[in-house]
Protein backbone atom coordinates (compact mmCIF):
# COMPACT_ATOMS: atom_id res chain seq x y z
CA MET A 1 107.16 127.55 103.83
CA LYS A 2 104.62 125.20 105.09
CA LEU A 3 101.78 127.77 104.73
CA PHE A 4 102.76 128.20 101.03
CA LYS A 5 102.78 124.34 100.30
CA TYR A 6 99.40 123.82 101.83
CA LEU A 7 98.02 126.60 99.90
CA PHE A 8 99.54 125.01 96.70
CA TRP A 9 97.76 121.59 97.51
CA ILE A 10 94.42 123.55 97.87
CA LEU A 11 94.62 125.48 94.73
CA TYR A 12 96.05 122.43 92.80
CA ARG A 13 93.14 120.47 93.97
CA ILE A 14 90.56 122.93 92.87
CA TRP A 15 92.40 123.15 89.70
CA PHE A 16 91.84 119.47 89.17
CA TYR A 17 88.23 119.40 89.56
CA VAL A 18 88.20 122.60 87.21
CA LEU A 19 90.03 120.34 84.53
CA VAL A 20 87.81 117.66 84.95
CA ALA A 21 84.53 119.80 84.44
CA LEU A 22 85.41 122.50 81.99
CA PRO A 23 85.88 119.94 78.94
CA ILE A 24 82.98 118.08 79.79
CA LEU A 25 80.84 121.43 79.59
CA ILE A 26 82.65 122.38 76.39
CA MET A 27 82.07 119.25 74.57
CA PHE A 28 78.74 118.39 76.25
CA PRO A 29 76.54 118.50 72.94
CA ILE A 30 79.23 116.21 71.38
CA LEU A 31 79.31 113.90 74.14
CA LEU A 32 75.84 113.61 74.41
CA ILE A 33 75.51 112.70 70.74
CA SER A 34 78.36 110.21 70.83
CA ILE A 35 76.74 108.02 73.68
CA LEU A 36 73.18 107.91 71.73
CA LYS A 37 73.87 104.71 70.29
CA GLU A 38 76.05 101.77 71.76
CA SER A 39 77.79 101.28 68.47
CA TRP A 40 79.03 104.93 68.70
CA TYR A 41 81.16 104.22 71.90
CA PRO A 42 84.48 104.21 69.88
CA TYR A 43 83.85 108.02 68.96
CA PHE A 44 82.91 108.59 72.67
CA PHE A 45 86.09 106.74 73.54
CA LYS A 46 88.21 109.12 71.29
CA LEU A 47 86.40 112.17 73.04
CA ALA A 48 87.33 110.69 76.66
CA ARG A 49 91.07 110.27 75.53
CA PHE A 50 91.07 113.72 74.61
CA TRP A 51 89.39 115.07 77.93
CA ALA A 52 91.86 113.04 79.71
CA LYS A 53 94.85 114.38 77.82
CA ILE A 54 93.71 118.06 78.81
CA ILE A 55 93.39 117.06 82.41
CA LEU A 56 96.85 115.50 82.84
CA ILE A 57 98.93 118.35 80.67
CA GLY A 58 96.62 120.72 82.94
CA MET A 59 97.99 119.53 85.80
CA GLY A 60 101.49 119.31 84.87
CA PHE A 61 101.96 115.57 84.30
CA ARG A 62 104.00 114.05 81.39
CA TRP A 63 103.44 110.55 80.76
CA ALA A 64 106.21 107.84 79.55
CA ILE A 65 104.73 104.96 78.29
CA GLU A 66 106.89 101.50 77.60
CA ASN A 67 105.18 98.87 75.86
CA GLU A 68 106.39 95.15 75.99
CA GLN A 69 103.55 94.17 73.88
CA THR A 70 101.06 96.46 72.05
CA PRO A 71 97.42 95.45 71.85
CA ASP A 72 95.82 94.49 68.52
CA LYS A 73 93.45 97.14 67.59
CA SER A 74 91.12 94.32 66.45
CA LYS A 75 91.02 92.25 69.49
CA SER A 76 89.51 92.48 73.11
CA TYR A 77 91.27 92.48 76.01
CA LEU A 78 90.91 92.78 79.74
CA PHE A 79 93.20 95.76 80.78
CA ILE A 80 94.34 95.78 84.66
CA ALA A 81 96.36 98.45 86.61
CA ASN A 82 97.29 99.27 90.19
CA HIS A 83 94.91 101.74 91.79
CA THR A 84 96.24 104.77 93.81
CA SER A 85 95.39 108.17 92.29
CA MET A 86 92.38 110.21 91.12
CA ALA A 87 94.58 110.33 87.83
CA ASP A 88 94.69 106.55 87.38
CA VAL A 89 91.37 106.83 84.96
CA MET A 90 93.07 109.46 82.62
CA LEU A 91 96.32 107.91 82.55
CA MET A 92 94.49 104.56 81.67
CA LEU A 93 92.63 106.47 78.59
CA VAL A 94 95.81 108.09 77.58
CA SER A 95 97.92 104.72 77.60
CA LEU A 96 95.77 102.71 75.53
CA LYS A 97 94.23 103.41 71.94
CA ASN A 98 91.93 100.29 72.18
CA PRO A 99 88.53 101.22 73.12
CA PHE A 100 87.64 99.87 76.43
CA VAL A 101 84.75 100.09 79.10
CA PHE A 102 85.68 100.64 82.59
CA VAL A 103 83.96 98.62 85.26
CA GLY A 104 83.72 100.81 88.43
CA LYS A 105 82.00 101.40 91.58
CA LYS A 106 78.23 102.75 91.39
CA GLU A 107 79.27 105.87 94.06
CA LEU A 108 80.96 107.72 91.18
CA THR A 109 77.84 108.42 89.50
CA LYS A 110 77.19 111.13 92.11
CA ILE A 111 80.09 113.26 90.71
CA PRO A 112 78.37 116.19 88.86
CA LEU A 113 78.86 116.11 84.85
CA PHE A 114 81.32 113.32 84.90
CA GLY A 115 78.86 111.18 86.82
CA PHE A 116 76.31 111.54 84.00
CA PHE A 117 78.54 110.07 81.25
CA TYR A 118 80.32 107.42 83.51
CA LYS A 119 77.01 106.07 84.42
CA ARG A 120 75.81 105.68 80.66
CA THR A 121 79.13 104.55 79.43
CA CYS A 122 80.71 102.28 82.08
CA ILE A 123 79.93 98.99 83.60
CA LEU A 124 78.63 99.66 87.24
CA VAL A 125 79.08 97.72 90.50
CA ASP A 126 77.87 97.84 93.67
CA ARG A 127 80.66 96.03 95.73
CA SER A 128 78.12 95.55 98.78
CA SER A 129 75.78 93.78 96.48
CA GLU A 130 76.42 90.06 95.41
CA LYS A 131 73.59 90.27 93.04
CA SER A 132 75.57 93.68 91.21
CA ARG A 133 78.96 91.96 91.06
CA LYS A 134 77.31 89.00 89.16
CA ALA A 135 75.51 91.16 86.81
CA VAL A 136 79.03 92.73 85.77
CA PHE A 137 79.71 89.33 83.94
CA LEU A 138 76.38 89.68 81.98
CA ARG A 139 77.20 93.39 81.18
CA ALA A 140 80.62 92.64 80.30
CA GLN A 141 79.75 89.86 77.92
CA LYS A 142 77.33 92.26 75.86
CA ARG A 143 80.10 94.93 75.72
CA LEU A 144 82.73 92.50 74.54
CA LYS A 145 80.37 91.36 71.62
CA THR A 146 80.72 94.72 70.28
CA GLY A 147 84.38 94.48 70.01
CA VAL A 148 85.46 96.56 72.97
CA SER A 149 87.75 95.76 75.89
CA ILE A 150 87.21 95.83 79.38
CA CYS A 151 89.40 97.78 82.17
CA ILE A 152 89.27 96.73 85.87
CA PHE A 153 91.22 97.94 88.82
CA PRO A 154 91.56 94.62 90.57
CA GLU A 155 92.09 95.85 93.80
CA GLY A 156 88.73 96.69 94.00
CA GLY A 157 89.46 100.29 95.60
CA VAL A 158 92.22 102.18 96.51
CA PRO A 159 94.46 100.53 99.25
CA GLU A 160 95.70 102.16 102.14
CA GLU A 161 98.54 104.63 102.23
CA HIS A 162 101.15 102.04 103.41
CA ILE A 163 100.35 99.32 101.21
CA ILE A 164 102.16 98.96 97.74
CA LEU A 165 99.70 96.94 96.09
CA ASP A 166 96.66 95.19 97.79
CA GLU A 167 95.44 91.63 96.81
CA PHE A 168 93.32 91.43 93.79
CA LYS A 169 89.76 90.23 93.69
CA ASP A 170 89.17 87.05 91.66
CA GLY A 171 86.41 88.40 89.59
CA ALA A 172 88.46 90.13 86.46
CA PHE A 173 90.46 87.03 86.07
CA ARG A 174 87.19 84.96 85.61
CA LEU A 175 85.78 87.10 83.32
CA ALA A 176 89.10 86.90 81.19
CA ILE A 177 89.05 83.23 81.32
CA ASN A 178 85.26 82.72 80.82
CA HIS A 179 85.51 85.02 77.74
CA HIS A 180 89.04 83.64 76.49
CA ILE A 181 90.49 87.02 76.50
CA PRO A 182 93.99 88.02 77.10
CA VAL A 183 95.04 89.65 80.59
CA VAL A 184 97.12 93.11 80.02
CA PRO A 185 98.83 94.01 83.22
CA ILE A 186 99.69 97.56 83.45
CA THR A 187 101.83 99.16 86.16
CA PHE A 188 101.61 103.12 87.18
CA GLY A 189 104.71 103.84 88.81
CA ASP A 190 104.11 107.48 89.99
CA ASN A 191 100.53 108.07 90.28
CA LYS A 192 100.30 108.05 94.12
CA LYS A 193 103.25 110.62 94.22
CA ARG A 194 101.63 113.02 91.62
CA LEU A 195 97.73 112.94 92.87
CA SER A 196 96.84 110.50 95.68
CA TYR A 197 93.70 110.58 97.47
CA THR A 198 95.44 112.31 100.53
CA PHE A 199 94.38 115.86 99.86
CA PHE A 200 97.69 117.56 100.89
CA SER A 201 99.87 116.10 98.61
CA GLY A 202 100.89 115.61 94.95
CA GLY A 203 102.43 117.94 92.28
CA PRO A 204 103.49 117.99 88.54
CA GLY A 205 106.10 115.62 86.98
CA LYS A 206 106.58 112.45 85.27
CA MET A 207 104.12 109.37 85.31
CA ARG A 208 105.74 106.07 84.18
CA VAL A 209 103.58 103.41 82.68
CA LYS A 210 104.59 99.86 81.67
CA ILE A 211 102.25 97.89 79.34
CA HIS A 212 103.40 94.23 80.27
CA GLN A 213 103.47 91.10 78.19
CA PHE A 214 99.99 89.67 78.02
CA LEU A 215 98.87 86.76 80.08
CA THR A 216 96.89 84.54 77.78
CA THR A 217 93.89 82.70 78.84
CA LYS A 218 93.85 80.07 76.26
CA ASN A 219 92.97 76.65 77.60
CA LEU A 220 92.60 78.04 81.11
CA THR A 221 89.23 77.22 83.37
CA VAL A 222 87.90 78.79 86.22
CA GLN A 223 89.90 76.62 88.50
CA ASP A 224 93.01 78.42 87.20
CA THR A 225 91.69 81.96 88.26
CA LYS A 226 93.56 82.20 91.35
CA ALA A 227 96.71 81.15 89.51
CA LEU A 228 96.26 84.02 86.87
CA ASN A 229 95.60 86.39 89.61
CA GLU A 230 98.76 85.95 91.56
CA ASN A 231 100.72 85.81 88.32
CA ALA A 232 99.04 89.09 87.07
CA ARG A 233 99.44 90.62 90.89
CA ASN A 234 103.36 89.55 90.73
CA VAL A 235 104.06 90.94 87.42
CA ILE A 236 102.63 94.65 88.78
CA LEU A 237 104.36 94.31 92.05
CA LYS A 238 107.70 93.52 90.61
CA GLN A 239 107.44 96.41 88.23
CA LEU A 240 106.04 98.88 91.19
CA GLN A 241 109.10 97.71 93.03
CA ALA A 242 111.53 98.36 90.08
CA PHE A 243 110.05 101.86 89.57
CA ASN A 244 110.51 102.62 93.21
CA PRO A 245 113.27 100.67 94.82
């Protein structure tokens, strides 16, 4: 029985990478055209959402999204969520209709095909470089001026298996305060169980998403960064504990 489980997990992981690459190959010319101009990013975003849906459906995932508050399409936000799975990027794309740009680690540019578009559409950060982390603010400011939102996983990486929710880095919240945009906490309840970074694990099933009440940054200053950070983290942690009592 164990042999069949391990065989399933191996094939399941291979199938995931096939699903990531195949739609990109098929849509490559259209995707390439959509990134030629920064003003065309919303079209690329729609294609990215379609790509994400193909992967989630192909992996046997079904998502259930609960909104406490719905983002206004005419406004910019800082979207944040807990980070435990390779499917987090896809589920974030499916959960939100507002075009947003990911702030993500530079290492992902090395992934074939995916990395090509990731490098050209996301705000990259080298977490080992203070200069790179500071440059994120300038690049984010430029993107916000075009009307898109920003998405960050504020744990700064994937926490160890036994950690429910790691501490949040302050950078995302300073960004939101500096640009006076609301913070939108989002909780992914099942991603670790469905497709974690542990190779021999995972399987089809439900993915619960909760988009929480927005946290305003109106009248806040950089001195309020830590309080905003803790507030956002507590919202997500409480929901994770409710999802998995």
